[in-house]
Amino acid sequence: MRTALGVSVFLILLGGANTSPGQVIVRDVEDSAATEPSVLWAPYAFYSETFDLSVGIGGIISGLWQEQMTIYGTAFHTKNDSTRVWMGAYDIRVPGTDRLFLSPEIFYTHYSEVRAYISGNPAFPFQQSGSNDSHPENFVTGEADNTNARLLFRYVLPIGLGKKQIVNRYITDGGILKETKQEKHGWNPIKHGRSYFIFEPFYADQRIEFDTGERTLRSNGLRLELRHDNTDFTLNPTRGSKQQFVISRDFGSFKSDNPWTHWEFDYRKYISLGETLFARQQVLAFNFVVSDTPTWKTTTTEDEAILIQNRPPYYDGSSLGGWDRMRAYPDNRFNDRSAVYYGIEYRMIPQWNPLSDLSFAGIPRIDWWQWVLFAEAGRVAGDFDLSNLHNDLHTDVGFGLRVYSEGIVARLDFAFASEGWAVLAMVGHPF
């Protein structure tokens, strides 16, 4: 069993969410004219298999300088002497521009013990760790230090709805979309939805010491992304679709001697099933992802060891397992040159909301809770062959509970597969 449960949404938001859905301002009909900055902070405690018992503090400030921007930070320490410090900001409008927004982020984590799906386990000398047919126990564990930093620049293209309204503005009633200028139909990016160009310099460094050796995994480079979003409500879509194409390049410079290129296409579709006497909202959500690493080079040495060059770190390429894709499996359980993933969710918001009465002593109001059923399928492969990628897929199924409060969707998912099961908590829908 794997657990990642926190008693505070701040941990989930500040310790796990690493991207913004785009410049968003959400107001409830009861306070739609509100313009004052909001400040939320709280101590928290949680338990996980990796960190053991942990305590920390997190905070978030929205609208302090600019109405759409958010500043956040968190820090925690654990019983097993692990530590994390994480800080950053979302959607700062770059001074002197109208359409360019910056989201910087930096974090450092010291793990007293972490699991890594890399070579080095003496029980599997001739098997590639993380490959689709690899043994579930083919990983190493050890003490590790992680440092990550990024500067994400998002440019709102002057087409579709982004031509006149650069920042998404939504009015909700009890957490359900009530009023918006976002069109509900039509895919044509020139006329409908919002399109973005994203430019992201990144740096990642992981040093791990395990029983049989030591490994340093380092990458730095650029990510370029083109994204189109024609959903009705980007935080909790009921109709429309999202598409994004991302290409990442490590040029093999600045302490990295392993140049690589990786690309990924991600498609998401949402279908509204309407309202009933029991349900305020019903949605079918679909996700398809395919990715490849064209620079990947595999050779076998004279002693039959597998040597892979010009590849991303195991946690930063074509991988499955963890928070969003193949949730019943550990983080990056499967990682290889290419990958394919399919996900489907049924999401239902009941008319009855017993959690709305829990708002007291400064606890934010919970606008709705949502019941979710989901299924996933996917696999990785050592070459990019769509036929091969659709043979011997791994699968999992599960259910979840999600809540919406203060413009945040928090989720608790239970996932089950042949290798085990997992409980995960996070902010935002997986897709």
Foldseek 3Di string as FASTA:
>chain_A
DWEDDWPDQQCQAFVPDDDDLAQEDEAEPVPLVDQDKDKDKDKIWDATPFFGTKIWIKIKIANPPHNRKMWIWMWMAGPLGKIKTKTWMWFDDDPPDDFKTKTKIKMKIKTQKDKAQQDDPVVCQQDRGQAQPDDLPRIFMFIKMKIKIKIKMKGWDLAAPCVPDNHFYFYDHLNHTDDGPADADDDPRRHHFIKIKMKMWMWMWMWGAGDRGIDIAIFTWIKIKIKTFRFPDSQDGAFDKIKMKMKTWGPQDDPRNFTWIKIKIKIKGKHWPDADPWFPTKIKIKIKMKMFIVVWDWDADPVNGIDITNDHGLQPHAFAEPDQHQPFHHRRSHGEGMKIKIKIKIKTWTPDAPQQVVDDPNDFGWSTKIKMKMKMWMRGDHDDDVVVRPPPIFMKIWMKMWIDTPNKIKIWIWIAGPVGIYIDIHIGHSD
